[in-house]
Amino acid sequence: MDEANQYGQTRQSTVMQQENLQRTLDQLRYELGALGPEAAPVKDHINSLINELEQQLQDSDKAEHRETIRGHLVALVKQFEQEHPSITSLLDQIITSLANMGV
């Protein structure tokens, strides 16, 4: 396989991973919208992390910040495991997507 072809396949894989991550983030936003008003502080926190993550994905020079966001997401998963299983599942998917992207 020549170098250009390999680069093209790697680029395509990265684009697909980012598209998958974006779909999962959109689904997470939808699920957050279904939470009641008592969850407003948590919703705000997760939405803030989502926004930061989306900005950092556009700026590849900020890999260390993405790792911090990933750590926050792991902590949120532990917090939500029993109360919000669908949100926990989406957060797990996001963490897996980030790991697959090398973050």
Protein backbone atom coordinates (compact mmCIF):
# COMPACT_ATOMS: atom_id res chain seq x y z
CA MET A 1 0.00 0.00 0.00
CA ASP A 2 1.48 3.35 -0.94
CA GLU A 3 1.82 6.21 1.52
CA ALA A 4 -0.90 8.37 -0.08
CA ASN A 5 -3.43 5.53 0.01
CA GLN A 6 -2.59 4.77 3.65
CA TYR A 7 -2.96 8.45 4.56
CA GLY A 8 -6.34 8.54 2.80
CA GLN A 9 -7.59 5.53 4.74
CA THR A 10 -6.34 6.95 8.03
CA ARG A 11 -7.99 10.31 7.29
CA GLN A 12 -11.26 8.58 6.36
CA SER A 13 -11.18 6.56 9.58
CA THR A 14 -10.58 9.71 11.64
CA VAL A 15 -13.45 11.52 9.92
CA MET A 16 -15.77 8.57 10.58
CA GLN A 17 -14.73 8.47 14.24
CA GLN A 18 -15.38 12.20 14.61
CA GLU A 19 -18.78 11.88 12.91
CA ASN A 20 -19.68 9.00 15.22
CA LEU A 21 -18.58 11.03 18.24
CA GLN A 22 -20.66 14.01 17.07
CA ARG A 23 -23.76 11.81 16.68
CA THR A 24 -23.23 10.49 20.20
CA LEU A 25 -22.80 14.03 21.56
CA ASP A 26 -26.02 15.07 19.82
CA GLN A 27 -27.83 12.09 21.32
CA LEU A 28 -26.46 12.98 24.76
CA ARG A 29 -27.80 16.52 24.39
CA TYR A 30 -31.21 15.06 23.52
CA GLU A 31 -31.16 12.79 26.59
CA LEU A 32 -30.10 15.70 28.81
CA GLY A 33 -33.07 17.66 27.53
CA ALA A 34 -35.37 14.95 28.89
CA LEU A 35 -34.06 15.35 32.45
CA GLY A 36 -36.19 17.32 34.87
CA PRO A 37 -35.40 20.76 36.29
CA GLU A 38 -33.83 19.19 39.39
CA ALA A 39 -30.96 18.05 37.17
CA ALA A 40 -30.20 21.56 35.88
CA PRO A 41 -26.75 21.83 37.51
CA VAL A 42 -25.70 18.47 36.10
CA LYS A 43 -27.09 19.31 32.66
CA ASP A 44 -25.18 22.59 32.66
CA HIS A 45 -21.96 20.82 33.65
CA ILE A 46 -22.27 18.15 30.96
CA ASN A 47 -23.25 20.68 28.30
CA SER A 48 -20.21 22.74 29.23
CA LEU A 49 -17.97 19.68 28.86
CA ILE A 50 -19.56 18.83 25.51
CA ASN A 51 -18.93 22.35 24.24
CA GLU A 52 -15.31 22.26 25.44
CA LEU A 53 -14.77 18.87 23.85
CA GLU A 54 -16.17 20.01 20.50
CA GLN A 55 -13.89 23.05 20.55
CA GLN A 56 -10.86 20.95 21.47
CA LEU A 57 -11.54 18.41 18.73
CA GLN A 58 -11.25 21.25 16.24
CA ASP A 59 -7.89 22.30 17.73
CA SER A 60 -5.57 19.31 17.65
CA ASP A 61 -2.85 21.23 19.53
CA LYS A 62 -4.83 20.98 22.78
CA ALA A 63 -4.50 17.22 23.39
CA GLU A 64 -3.71 17.68 27.08
CA HIS A 65 -6.96 19.57 27.61
CA ARG A 66 -8.94 16.80 25.90
CA GLU A 67 -7.42 14.35 28.38
CA THR A 68 -8.74 16.54 31.22
CA ILE A 69 -12.20 16.54 29.65
CA ARG A 70 -12.01 12.76 29.27
CA GLY A 71 -11.24 12.52 33.00
CA HIS A 72 -14.28 14.65 33.80
CA LEU A 73 -16.43 12.39 31.64
CA VAL A 74 -15.17 9.29 33.48
CA ALA A 75 -16.12 10.93 36.79
CA LEU A 76 -19.59 11.76 35.44
CA VAL A 77 -20.12 8.15 34.41
CA LYS A 78 -19.49 7.04 37.98
CA GLN A 79 -21.90 9.68 39.25
CA PHE A 80 -24.72 8.73 36.83
CA GLU A 81 -24.42 4.95 36.72
CA GLN A 82 -27.53 4.18 38.74
CA GLU A 83 -29.64 7.29 38.36
CA HIS A 84 -29.35 7.84 34.60
CA PRO A 85 -28.38 4.65 32.75
CA SER A 86 -29.05 6.05 29.26
CA ILE A 87 -26.83 9.06 29.89
CA THR A 88 -24.17 6.78 31.39
CA SER A 89 -24.25 4.66 28.25
CA LEU A 90 -23.77 7.71 26.03
CA LEU A 91 -20.92 9.01 28.19
CA ASP A 92 -19.27 5.58 27.92
CA GLN A 93 -19.61 5.74 24.13
CA ILE A 94 -18.00 9.18 24.08
CA ILE A 95 -15.10 7.98 26.24
CA THR A 96 -14.61 4.97 23.95
CA SER A 97 -14.70 7.19 20.87
CA LEU A 98 -12.08 9.47 22.37
CA ALA A 99 -9.89 6.49 23.20
CA ASN A 100 -10.26 5.18 19.64
CA MET A 101 -9.16 8.59 18.39
CA GLY A 102 -6.04 8.42 20.54
CA VAL A 103 -7.21 10.82 23.23
